[in-house]
Amino acid sequence: TLLDTQQSTVQGPSGRLDAWVYDQLKADNLKENQSSLIVPV
């Protein structure tokens, strides 16, 4: 399971920066929230 694209703000070298987070896992591991195809071929 992946989270939707999120916008965040971080403290960069010159101040606050807008950052976009893509393809972030819902869980911090590859054990939880595992899914399969409707027909798991």
PDB file of all heavy atoms in Angstrom:
ATOM      1  N   THR A   1       0.828  -1.205   0.000  1.00  0.00           N
ATOM      2  CA  THR A   1       0.000   0.000   0.000  1.00  0.00           C
ATOM      3  C   THR A   1       0.860   1.252   0.000  1.00  0.00           C
ATOM      4  O   THR A   1       1.756   1.415   0.842  1.00  0.00           O
ATOM      5  CB  THR A   1      -0.925   0.017   1.229  1.00  0.00           C
ATOM      6  OG1 THR A   1      -1.697  -1.178   1.251  1.00  0.00           O
ATOM      7  CG2 THR A   1      -1.845   1.223   1.186  1.00  0.00           C
ATOM      8  N   LEU A   2       0.589   2.138  -0.949  1.00  0.00           N
ATOM      9  CA  LEU A   2       1.286   3.410  -1.055  1.00  0.00           C
ATOM     10  C   LEU A   2       0.359   4.544  -0.656  1.00  0.00           C
ATOM     11  O   LEU A   2      -0.850   4.497  -0.887  1.00  0.00           O
ATOM     12  CB  LEU A   2       1.760   3.643  -2.493  1.00  0.00           C
ATOM     13  CG  LEU A   2       2.765   2.647  -3.073  1.00  0.00           C
ATOM     14  CD1 LEU A   2       2.982   2.922  -4.554  1.00  0.00           C
ATOM     15  CD2 LEU A   2       4.099   2.730  -2.328  1.00  0.00           C
ATOM     16  N   LEU A   3       0.940   5.574  -0.047  1.00  0.00           N
ATOM     17  CA  LEU A   3       0.177   6.764   0.297  1.00  0.00           C
ATOM     18  C   LEU A   3       0.047   7.666  -0.923  1.00  0.00           C
ATOM     19  O   LEU A   3       0.841   7.597  -1.860  1.00  0.00           O
ATOM     20  CB  LEU A   3       0.873   7.528   1.429  1.00  0.00           C
ATOM     21  CG  LEU A   3       1.025   6.785   2.760  1.00  0.00           C
ATOM     22  CD1 LEU A   3       1.831   7.625   3.741  1.00  0.00           C
ATOM     23  CD2 LEU A   3      -0.334   6.428   3.357  1.00  0.00           C
ATOM     24  N   ASP A   4      -0.952   8.511  -0.909  1.00  0.00           N
ATOM     25  CA  ASP A   4      -1.101   9.489  -1.978  1.00  0.00           C
ATOM     26  C   ASP A   4       0.058  10.477  -1.940  1.00  0.00           C
ATOM     27  O   ASP A   4       0.701  10.684  -0.897  1.00  0.00           O
ATOM     28  CB  ASP A   4      -2.422  10.255  -1.824  1.00  0.00           C
ATOM     29  CG  ASP A   4      -3.635   9.356  -2.032  1.00  0.00           C
ATOM     30  OD1 ASP A   4      -3.496   8.350  -2.768  1.00  0.00           O
ATOM     31  OD2 ASP A   4      -4.696   9.649  -1.461  1.00  0.00           O
ATOM     32  N   THR A   5       0.338  11.113  -3.082  1.00  0.00           N
ATOM     33  CA  THR A   5       1.388  12.129  -3.138  1.00  0.00           C
ATOM     34  C   THR A   5       1.081  13.238  -2.136  1.00  0.00           C
ATOM     35  O   THR A   5      -0.040  13.736  -2.063  1.00  0.00           O
ATOM     36  CB  THR A   5       1.487  12.722  -4.551  1.00  0.00           C
ATOM     37  OG1 THR A   5       1.805  11.669  -5.468  1.00  0.00           O
ATOM     38  CG2 THR A   5       2.560  13.787  -4.616  1.00  0.00           C
ATOM     39  N   GLN A   6       2.087  13.592  -1.349  1.00  0.00           N
ATOM     40  CA  GLN A   6       1.899  14.580  -0.295  1.00  0.00           C
ATOM     41  C   GLN A   6       2.860  15.743  -0.461  1.00  0.00           C
ATOM     42  O   GLN A   6       3.982  15.582  -0.925  1.00  0.00           O
ATOM     43  CB  GLN A   6       2.134  13.940   1.082  1.00  0.00           C
ATOM     44  CG  GLN A   6       1.257  12.735   1.372  1.00  0.00           C
ATOM     45  CD  GLN A   6       1.621  12.085   2.678  1.00  0.00           C
ATOM     46  OE1 GLN A   6       1.469  12.666   3.748  1.00  0.00           O
ATOM     47  NE2 GLN A   6       2.127  10.858   2.612  1.00  0.00           N
ATOM     48  N   GLN A   7       2.402  16.924  -0.072  1.00  0.00           N
ATOM     49  CA  GLN A   7       3.254  18.101  -0.066  1.00  0.00           C
ATOM     50  C   GLN A   7       3.700  18.373   1.356  1.00  0.00           C
ATOM     51  O   GLN A   7       2.908  18.293   2.302  1.00  0.00           O
ATOM     52  CB  GLN A   7       2.525  19.322  -0.619  1.00  0.00           C
ATOM     53  CG  GLN A   7       3.424  20.555  -0.758  1.00  0.00           C
ATOM     54  CD  GLN A   7       2.690  21.742  -1.354  1.00  0.00           C
ATOM     55  OE1 GLN A   7       1.477  21.745  -1.429  1.00  0.00           O
ATOM     56  NE2 GLN A   7       3.437  22.734  -1.789  1.00  0.00           N
ATOM     57  N   SER A   8       4.978  18.687   1.512  1.00  0.00           N
ATOM     58  CA  SER A   8       5.515  18.978   2.829  1.00  0.00           C
ATOM     59  C   SER A   8       6.434  20.186   2.720  1.00  0.00           C
ATOM     60  O   SER A   8       6.761  20.649   1.625  1.00  0.00           O
ATOM     61  CB  SER A   8       6.282  17.768   3.378  1.00  0.00           C
ATOM     62  OG  SER A   8       6.725  18.009   4.692  1.00  0.00           O
ATOM     63  N   THR A   9       6.836  20.706   3.846  1.00  0.00           N
ATOM     64  CA  THR A   9       7.768  21.837   3.886  1.00  0.00           C
ATOM     65  C   THR A   9       8.918  21.469   4.795  1.00  0.00           C
ATOM     66  O   THR A   9       8.711  21.024   5.930  1.00  0.00           O
ATOM     67  CB  THR A   9       7.067  23.099   4.410  1.00  0.00           C
ATOM     68  OG1 THR A   9       5.911  23.357   3.628  1.00  0.00           O
ATOM     69  CG2 THR A   9       8.004  24.292   4.327  1.00  0.00           C
ATOM     70  N   VAL A  10      10.140  21.607   4.292  1.00  0.00           N
ATOM     71  CA  VAL A  10      11.333  21.238   5.060  1.00  0.00           C
ATOM     72  C   VAL A  10      12.258  22.437   5.184  1.00  0.00           C
ATOM     73  O   VAL A  10      12.173  23.404   4.420  1.00  0.00           O
ATOM     74  CB  VAL A  10      12.079  20.058   4.395  1.00  0.00           C
ATOM     75  CG1 VAL A  10      11.186  18.845   4.305  1.00  0.00           C
ATOM     76  CG2 VAL A  10      12.593  20.442   3.016  1.00  0.00           C
ATOM     77  N   GLN A  11      13.164  22.357   6.139  1.00  0.00           N
ATOM     78  CA  GLN A  11      14.142  23.417   6.353  1.00  0.00           C
ATOM     79  C   GLN A  11      15.372  23.152   5.504  1.00  0.00           C
ATOM     80  O   GLN A  11      16.172  22.272   5.800  1.00  0.00           O
ATOM     81  CB  GLN A  11      14.533  23.500   7.830  1.00  0.00           C
ATOM     82  CG  GLN A  11      15.514  24.619   8.157  1.00  0.00           C
ATOM     83  CD  GLN A  11      14.912  25.994   7.918  1.00  0.00           C
ATOM     84  OE1 GLN A  11      13.769  26.248   8.294  1.00  0.00           O
ATOM     85  NE2 GLN A  11      15.664  26.878   7.296  1.00  0.00           N
ATOM     86  N   GLY A  12      15.507  23.884   4.392  1.00  0.00           N
ATOM     87  CA  GLY A  12      16.644  23.718   3.504  1.00  0.00           C
ATOM     88  C   GLY A  12      17.783  24.654   3.838  1.00  0.00           C
ATOM     89  O   GLY A  12      17.721  25.406   4.822  1.00  0.00           O
ATOM     90  N   PRO A  13      18.857  24.661   3.025  1.00  0.00           N
ATOM     91  CA  PRO A  13      20.021  25.510   3.287  1.00  0.00           C
ATOM     92  C   PRO A  13      19.680  26.993   3.306  1.00  0.00           C
ATOM     93  O   PRO A  13      20.308  27.761   4.014  1.00  0.00           O
ATOM     94  CB  PRO A  13      20.968  25.184   2.119  1.00  0.00           C
ATOM     95  CG  PRO A  13      20.508  23.863   1.616  1.00  0.00           C
ATOM     96  CD  PRO A  13      19.044  23.812   1.848  1.00  0.00           C
ATOM     97  N   SER A  14      18.654  27.400   2.524  1.00  0.00           N
ATOM     98  CA  SER A  14      18.326  28.816   2.422  1.00  0.00           C
ATOM     99  C   SER A  14      17.005  29.158   3.082  1.00  0.00           C
ATOM    100  O   SER A  14      16.481  30.255   2.896  1.00  0.00           O
ATOM    101  CB  SER A  14      18.280  29.219   0.942  1.00  0.00           C
ATOM    102  OG  SER A  14      19.448  28.846   0.282  1.00  0.00           O
ATOM    103  N   GLY A  15      16.428  28.243   3.805  1.00  0.00           N
ATOM    104  CA  GLY A  15      15.146  28.501   4.432  1.00  0.00           C
ATOM    105  C   GLY A  15      14.185  27.358   4.188  1.00  0.00           C
ATOM    106  O   GLY A  15      14.577  26.237   3.859  1.00  0.00           O
ATOM    107  N   ARG A  16      12.923  27.642   4.330  1.00  0.00           N
ATOM    108  CA  ARG A  16      11.901  26.624   4.159  1.00  0.00           C
ATOM    109  C   ARG A  16      11.683  26.315   2.691  1.00  0.00           C
ATOM    110  O   ARG A  16      11.620  27.205   1.847  1.00  0.00           O
ATOM    111  CB  ARG A  16      10.580  27.093   4.780  1.00  0.00           C
ATOM    112  CG  ARG A  16      10.681  27.493   6.237  1.00  0.00           C
ATOM    113  CD  ARG A  16      11.056  26.332   7.137  1.00  0.00           C
ATOM    114  NE  ARG A  16       9.972  25.377   7.293  1.00  0.00           N
ATOM    115  CZ  ARG A  16      10.057  24.275   8.014  1.00  0.00           C
ATOM    116  NH1 ARG A  16      11.195  23.967   8.626  1.00  0.00           N
ATOM    117  NH2 ARG A  16       9.032  23.447   8.100  1.00  0.00           N
ATOM    118  N   LEU A  17      11.595  25.023   2.361  1.00  0.00           N
ATOM    119  CA  LEU A  17      11.425  24.571   0.981  1.00  0.00           C
ATOM    120  C   LEU A  17      10.170  23.716   0.857  1.00  0.00           C
ATOM    121  O   LEU A  17       9.855  22.926   1.746  1.00  0.00           O
ATOM    122  CB  LEU A  17      12.636  23.744   0.525  1.00  0.00           C
ATOM    123  CG  LEU A  17      14.010  24.405   0.548  1.00  0.00           C
ATOM    124  CD1 LEU A  17      15.073  23.371   0.204  1.00  0.00           C
ATOM    125  CD2 LEU A  17      14.069  25.552  -0.433  1.00  0.00           C
ATOM    126  N   ASP A  18       9.470  23.900  -0.254  1.00  0.00           N
ATOM    127  CA  ASP A  18       8.362  23.010  -0.558  1.00  0.00           C
ATOM    128  C   ASP A  18       8.917  21.689  -1.076  1.00  0.00           C
ATOM    129  O   ASP A  18       9.827  21.673  -1.911  1.00  0.00           O
ATOM    130  CB  ASP A  18       7.446  23.617  -1.625  1.00  0.00           C
ATOM    131  CG  ASP A  18       6.617  24.774  -1.072  1.00  0.00           C
ATOM    132  OD1 ASP A  18       6.268  24.715   0.113  1.00  0.00           O
ATOM    133  OD2 ASP A  18       6.345  25.715  -1.821  1.00  0.00           O
ATOM    134  N   ALA A  19       8.395  20.579  -0.587  1.00  0.00           N
ATOM    135  CA  ALA A  19       8.851  19.260  -1.018  1.00  0.00           C
ATOM    136  C   ALA A  19       7.637  18.381  -1.292  1.00  0.00           C
ATOM    137  O   ALA A  19       6.624  18.468  -0.595  1.00  0.00           O
ATOM    138  CB  ALA A  19       9.732  18.616   0.059  1.00  0.00           C
ATOM    139  N   TRP A  20       7.757  17.564  -2.316  1.00  0.00           N
ATOM    140  CA  TRP A  20       6.694  16.625  -2.672  1.00  0.00           C
ATOM    141  C   TRP A  20       7.182  15.215  -2.400  1.00  0.00           C
ATOM    142  O   TRP A  20       8.303  14.850  -2.755  1.00  0.00           O
ATOM    143  CB  TRP A  20       6.316  16.778  -4.144  1.00  0.00           C
ATOM    144  CG  TRP A  20       5.656  18.089  -4.441  1.00  0.00           C
ATOM    145  CD1 TRP A  20       6.266  19.286  -4.695  1.00  0.00           C
ATOM    146  CD2 TRP A  20       4.261  18.351  -4.485  1.00  0.00           C
ATOM    147  NE1 TRP A  20       5.342  20.264  -4.898  1.00  0.00           N
ATOM    148  CE2 TRP A  20       4.086  19.729  -4.786  1.00  0.00           C
ATOM    149  CE3 TRP A  20       3.129  17.561  -4.320  1.00  0.00           C
ATOM    150  CZ2 TRP A  20       2.851  20.321  -4.914  1.00  0.00           C
ATOM    151  CZ3 TRP A  20       1.886  18.148  -4.447  1.00  0.00           C
ATOM    152  CH2 TRP A  20       1.751  19.513  -4.739  1.00  0.00           C
ATOM    153  N   VAL A  21       6.346  14.428  -1.772  1.00  0.00           N
ATOM    154  CA  VAL A  21       6.694  13.056  -1.403  1.00  0.00           C
ATOM    155  C   VAL A  21       5.873  12.106  -2.265  1.00  0.00           C
ATOM    156  O   VAL A  21       4.641  12.106  -2.203  1.00  0.00           O
ATOM    157  CB  VAL A  21       6.423  12.783   0.089  1.00  0.00           C
ATOM    158  CG1 VAL A  21       6.866  11.371   0.455  1.00  0.00           C
ATOM    159  CG2 VAL A  21       7.142  13.811   0.954  1.00  0.00           C
ATOM    160  N   TYR A  22       6.576  11.319  -3.082  1.00  0.00           N
ATOM    161  CA  TYR A  22       5.921  10.384  -3.995  1.00  0.00           C
ATOM    162  C   TYR A  22       6.156   8.946  -3.533  1.00  0.00           C
ATOM    163  O   TYR A  22       7.206   8.621  -2.977  1.00  0.00           O
ATOM    164  CB  TYR A  22       6.480  10.537  -5.417  1.00  0.00           C
ATOM    165  CG  TYR A  22       6.317  11.906  -6.021  1.00  0.00           C
ATOM    166  CD1 TYR A  22       7.308  12.868  -5.888  1.00  0.00           C
ATOM    167  CD2 TYR A  22       5.178  12.245  -6.733  1.00  0.00           C
ATOM    168  CE1 TYR A  22       7.174  14.125  -6.444  1.00  0.00           C
ATOM    169  CE2 TYR A  22       5.028  13.502  -7.296  1.00  0.00           C
ATOM    170  CZ  TYR A  22       6.037  14.440  -7.149  1.00  0.00           C
ATOM    171  OH  TYR A  22       5.894  15.690  -7.702  1.00  0.00           O
ATOM    172  N   ASP A  23       5.209   8.090  -3.806  1.00  0.00           N
ATOM    173  CA  ASP A  23       5.362   6.641  -3.642  1.00  0.00           C
ATOM    174  C   ASP A  23       5.883   6.256  -2.259  1.00  0.00           C
ATOM    175  O   ASP A  23       6.758   5.400  -2.114  1.00  0.00           O
ATOM    176  CB  ASP A  23       6.310   6.081  -4.716  1.00  0.00           C
ATOM    177  CG  ASP A  23       5.777   6.305  -6.122  1.00  0.00           C
ATOM    178  OD1 ASP A  23       4.546   6.274  -6.286  1.00  0.00           O
ATOM    179  OD2 ASP A  23       6.591   6.510  -7.041  1.00  0.00           O
ATOM    180  N   GLN A  24       5.331   6.880  -1.236  1.00  0.00           N
ATOM    181  CA  GLN A  24       5.726   6.527   0.129  1.00  0.00           C
ATOM    182  C   GLN A  24       4.860   5.381   0.632  1.00  0.00           C
ATOM    183  O   GLN A  24       3.640   5.365   0.469  1.00  0.00           O
ATOM    184  CB  GLN A  24       5.592   7.728   1.059  1.00  0.00           C
ATOM    185  CG  GLN A  24       6.162   7.471   2.452  1.00  0.00           C
ATOM    186  CD  GLN A  24       6.093   8.706   3.328  1.00  0.00           C
ATOM    187  OE1 GLN A  24       5.053   9.334   3.441  1.00  0.00           O
ATOM    188  NE2 GLN A  24       7.219   9.064   3.940  1.00  0.00           N
ATOM    189  N   LEU A  25       5.512   4.397   1.241  1.00  0.00           N
ATOM    190  CA  LEU A  25       4.792   3.256   1.781  1.00  0.00           C
ATOM    191  C   LEU A  25       3.966   3.660   2.993  1.00  0.00           C
ATOM    192  O   LEU A  25       4.366   4.530   3.776  1.00  0.00           O
ATOM    193  CB  LEU A  25       5.770   2.162   2.192  1.00  0.00           C
ATOM    194  CG  LEU A  25       6.388   1.299   1.086  1.00  0.00           C
ATOM    195  CD1 LEU A  25       7.419   0.369   1.701  1.00  0.00           C
ATOM    196  CD2 LEU A  25       5.338   0.511   0.348  1.00  0.00           C
ATOM    197  N   LYS A  26       2.829   3.012   3.156  1.00  0.00           N
ATOM    198  CA  LYS A  26       2.008   3.254   4.329  1.00  0.00           C
ATOM    199  C   LYS A  26       2.712   2.727   5.572  1.00  0.00           C
ATOM    200  O   LYS A  26       2.662   3.349   6.642  1.00  0.00           O
ATOM    201  CB  LYS A  26       0.646   2.579   4.165  1.00  0.00           C
ATOM    202  CG  LYS A  26      -0.321   2.849   5.296  1.00  0.00           C
ATOM    203  CD  LYS A  26      -1.679   2.215   5.040  1.00  0.00           C
ATOM    204  CE  LYS A  26      -2.664   2.510   6.164  1.00  0.00           C
ATOM    205  NZ  LYS A  26      -3.993   1.900   5.911  1.00  0.00           N
ATOM    206  N   ALA A  27       3.376   1.587   5.458  1.00  0.00           N
ATOM    207  CA  ALA A  27       4.132   0.998   6.565  1.00  0.00           C
ATOM    208  C   ALA A  27       5.620   1.083   6.250  1.00  0.00           C
ATOM    209  O   ALA A  27       6.025   1.112   5.093  1.00  0.00           O
ATOM    210  CB  ALA A  27       3.727  -0.452   6.789  1.00  0.00           C
ATOM    211  N   ASP A  28       6.430   1.131   7.289  1.00  0.00           N
ATOM    212  CA  ASP A  28       7.874   1.234   7.094  1.00  0.00           C
ATOM    213  C   ASP A  28       8.510  -0.150   6.989  1.00  0.00           C
ATOM    214  O   ASP A  28       9.485  -0.461   7.656  1.00  0.00           O
ATOM    215  CB  ASP A  28       8.505   2.013   8.257  1.00  0.00           C
ATOM    216  CG  ASP A  28      10.021   2.059   8.149  1.00  0.00           C
ATOM    217  OD1 ASP A  28      10.522   2.124   7.019  1.00  0.00           O
ATOM    218  OD2 ASP A  28      10.697   1.994   9.196  1.00  0.00           O
ATOM    219  N   ASN A  29       7.955  -1.015   6.180  1.00  0.00           N
ATOM    220  CA  ASN A  29       8.547  -2.333   5.989  1.00  0.00           C
ATOM    221  C   ASN A  29       7.872  -2.992   4.798  1.00  0.00           C
ATOM    222  O   ASN A  29       6.897  -2.467   4.253  1.00  0.00           O
ATOM    223  CB  ASN A  29       8.393  -3.199   7.251  1.00  0.00           C
ATOM    224  CG  ASN A  29       6.946  -3.346   7.677  1.00  0.00           C
ATOM    225  OD1 ASN A  29       6.144  -3.969   6.981  1.00  0.00           O
ATOM    226  ND2 ASN A  29       6.596  -2.767   8.827  1.00  0.00           N
ATOM    227  N   LEU A  30       8.413  -4.136   4.393  1.00  0.00           N
ATOM    228  CA  LEU A  30       7.840  -4.897   3.291  1.00  0.00           C
ATOM    229  C   LEU A  30       7.199  -6.183   3.809  1.00  0.00           C
ATOM    230  O   LEU A  30       7.316  -7.243   3.203  1.00  0.00           O
ATOM    231  CB  LEU A  30       8.925  -5.213   2.251  1.00  0.00           C
ATOM    232  CG  LEU A  30       9.493  -3.998   1.506  1.00  0.00           C
ATOM    233  CD1 LEU A  30      10.533  -4.431   0.488  1.00  0.00           C
ATOM    234  CD2 LEU A  30       8.402  -3.175   0.854  1.00  0.00           C
ATOM    235  N   LYS A  31       6.522  -6.050   4.939  1.00  0.00           N
ATOM    236  CA  LYS A  31       5.797  -7.178   5.513  1.00  0.00           C
ATOM    237  C   LYS A  31       4.318  -6.854   5.653  1.00  0.00           C
ATOM    238  O   LYS A  31       3.464  -7.693   5.391  1.00  0.00           O
ATOM    239  CB  LYS A  31       6.380  -7.548   6.885  1.00  0.00           C
ATOM    240  CG  LYS A  31       7.832  -8.016   6.836  1.00  0.00           C
ATOM    241  CD  LYS A  31       8.349  -8.310   8.233  1.00  0.00           C
ATOM    242  CE  LYS A  31       9.811  -8.742   8.196  1.00  0.00           C
ATOM    243  NZ  LYS A  31      10.353  -8.982   9.561  1.00  0.00           N
ATOM    244  N   GLU A  32       4.015  -5.627   6.072  1.00  0.00           N
ATOM    245  CA  GLU A  32       2.631  -5.240   6.292  1.00  0.00           C
ATOM    246  C   GLU A  32       1.996  -4.721   4.999  1.00  0.00           C
ATOM    247  O   GLU A  32       2.680  -4.298   4.073  1.00  0.00           O
ATOM    248  CB  GLU A  32       2.558  -4.154   7.371  1.00  0.00           C
ATOM    249  CG  GLU A  32       3.143  -4.560   8.715  1.00  0.00           C
ATOM    250  CD  GLU A  32       3.112  -3.415   9.700  1.00  0.00           C
ATOM    251  OE1 GLU A  32       2.107  -2.687   9.748  1.00  0.00           O
ATOM    252  OE2 GLU A  32       4.120  -3.236  10.416  1.00  0.00           O
ATOM    253  N   ASN A  33       0.678  -4.718   4.999  1.00  0.00           N
ATOM    254  CA  ASN A  33      -0.122  -4.137   3.908  1.00  0.00           C
ATOM    255  C   ASN A  33       0.226  -4.732   2.542  1.00  0.00           C
ATOM    256  O   ASN A  33       0.220  -4.029   1.532  1.00  0.00           O
ATOM    257  CB  ASN A  33       0.054  -2.615   3.863  1.00  0.00           C
ATOM    258  CG  ASN A  33      -0.370  -1.946   5.157  1.00  0.00           C
ATOM    259  OD1 ASN A  33      -1.402  -2.292   5.735  1.00  0.00           O
ATOM    260  ND2 ASN A  33       0.427  -1.009   5.629  1.00  0.00           N
ATOM    261  N   GLN A  34       0.545  -6.015   2.526  1.00  0.00           N
ATOM    262  CA  GLN A  34       0.829  -6.671   1.254  1.00  0.00           C
ATOM    263  C   GLN A  34      -0.476  -7.035   0.563  1.00  0.00           C
ATOM    264  O   GLN A  34      -1.428  -7.474   1.208  1.00  0.00           O
ATOM    265  CB  GLN A  34       1.671  -7.923   1.477  1.00  0.00           C
ATOM    266  CG  GLN A  34       2.170  -8.565   0.198  1.00  0.00           C
ATOM    267  CD  GLN A  34       3.011  -9.800   0.477  1.00  0.00           C
ATOM    268  OE1 GLN A  34       2.513 -10.904   0.482  1.00  0.00           O
ATOM    269  NE2 GLN A  34       4.303  -9.595   0.710  1.00  0.00           N
ATOM    270  N   SER A  35      -0.539  -6.830  -0.731  1.00  0.00           N
ATOM    271  CA  SER A  35      -1.741  -7.137  -1.494  1.00  0.00           C
ATOM    272  C   SER A  35      -1.366  -7.987  -2.698  1.00  0.00           C
ATOM    273  O   SER A  35      -0.186  -8.216  -2.974  1.00  0.00           O
ATOM    274  CB  SER A  35      -2.439  -5.853  -1.947  1.00  0.00           C
ATOM    275  OG  SER A  35      -1.593  -5.088  -2.790  1.00  0.00           O
ATOM    276  N   SER A  36      -2.361  -8.431  -3.427  1.00  0.00           N
ATOM    277  CA  SER A  36      -2.120  -9.232  -4.621  1.00  0.00           C
ATOM    278  C   SER A  36      -3.115  -8.827  -5.689  1.00  0.00           C
ATOM    279  O   SER A  36      -4.048  -8.049  -5.441  1.00  0.00           O
ATOM    280  CB  SER A  36      -2.255 -10.728  -4.304  1.00  0.00           C
ATOM    281  OG  SER A  36      -3.567 -11.027  -3.857  1.00  0.00           O
ATOM    282  N   LEU A  37      -2.912  -9.335  -6.886  1.00  0.00           N
ATOM    283  CA  LEU A  37      -3.858  -9.101  -7.956  1.00  0.00           C
ATOM    284  C   LEU A  37      -5.205  -9.752  -7.616  1.00  0.00           C
ATOM    285  O   LEU A  37      -5.270 -10.671  -6.791  1.00  0.00           O
ATOM    286  CB  LEU A  37      -3.316  -9.686  -9.259  1.00  0.00           C
ATOM    287  CG  LEU A  37      -2.047  -9.025  -9.836  1.00  0.00           C
ATOM    288  CD1 LEU A  37      -1.439  -9.902 -10.910  1.00  0.00           C
ATOM    289  CD2 LEU A  37      -2.371  -7.651 -10.394  1.00  0.00           C
ATOM    290  N   ILE A  38      -6.276  -9.267  -8.258  1.00  0.00           N
ATOM    291  CA  ILE A  38      -7.596  -9.871  -8.024  1.00  0.00           C
ATOM    292  C   ILE A  38      -7.547 -11.368  -8.326  1.00  0.00           C
ATOM    293  O   ILE A  38      -8.075 -12.191  -7.576  1.00  0.00           O
ATOM    294  CB  ILE A  38      -8.653  -9.165  -8.893  1.00  0.00           C
ATOM    295  CG1 ILE A  38      -8.818  -7.708  -8.437  1.00  0.00           C
ATOM    296  CG2 ILE A  38      -9.989  -9.896  -8.812  1.00  0.00           C
ATOM    297  CD1 ILE A  38      -9.762  -6.899  -9.290  1.00  0.00           C
ATOM    298  N   VAL A  39      -6.893 -11.710  -9.416  1.00  0.00           N
ATOM    299  CA  VAL A  39      -6.582 -13.112  -9.715  1.00  0.00           C
ATOM    300  C   VAL A  39      -5.064 -13.246  -9.579  1.00  0.00           C
ATOM    301  O   VAL A  39      -4.321 -12.788 -10.444  1.00  0.00           O
ATOM    302  CB  VAL A  39      -7.031 -13.516 -11.130  1.00  0.00           C
ATOM    303  CG1 VAL A  39      -6.718 -14.985 -11.388  1.00  0.00           C
ATOM    304  CG2 VAL A  39      -8.520 -13.250 -11.323  1.00  0.00           C
ATOM    305  N   PRO A  40      -4.555 -13.813  -8.490  1.00  0.00           N
ATOM    306  CA  PRO A  40      -3.111 -13.790  -8.196  1.00  0.00           C
ATOM    307  C   PRO A  40      -2.300 -14.734  -9.083  1.00  0.00           C
ATOM    308  O   PRO A  40      -1.708 -15.713  -8.618  1.00  0.00           O
ATOM    309  CB  PRO A  40      -3.063 -14.201  -6.724  1.00  0.00           C
ATOM    310  CG  PRO A  40      -4.255 -15.078  -6.542  1.00  0.00           C
ATOM    311  CD  PRO A  40      -5.324 -14.506  -7.433  1.00  0.00           C
ATOM    312  N   VAL A  41      -2.243 -14.428 -10.358  1.00  0.00           N
ATOM    313  CA  VAL A  41      -1.558 -15.311 -11.299  1.00  0.00           C
ATOM    314  C   VAL A  41      -0.053 -15.360 -11.060  1.00  0.00           C
ATOM    315  O   VAL A  41       0.591 -16.388 -11.273  1.00  0.00           O
ATOM    316  CB  VAL A  41      -1.857 -14.865 -12.747  1.00  0.00           C
ATOM    317  CG1 VAL A  41      -3.309 -15.127 -13.106  1.00  0.00           C
ATOM    318  CG2 VAL A  41      -1.528 -13.375 -12.956  1.00  0.00           C
TER     319      VAL A  41
END
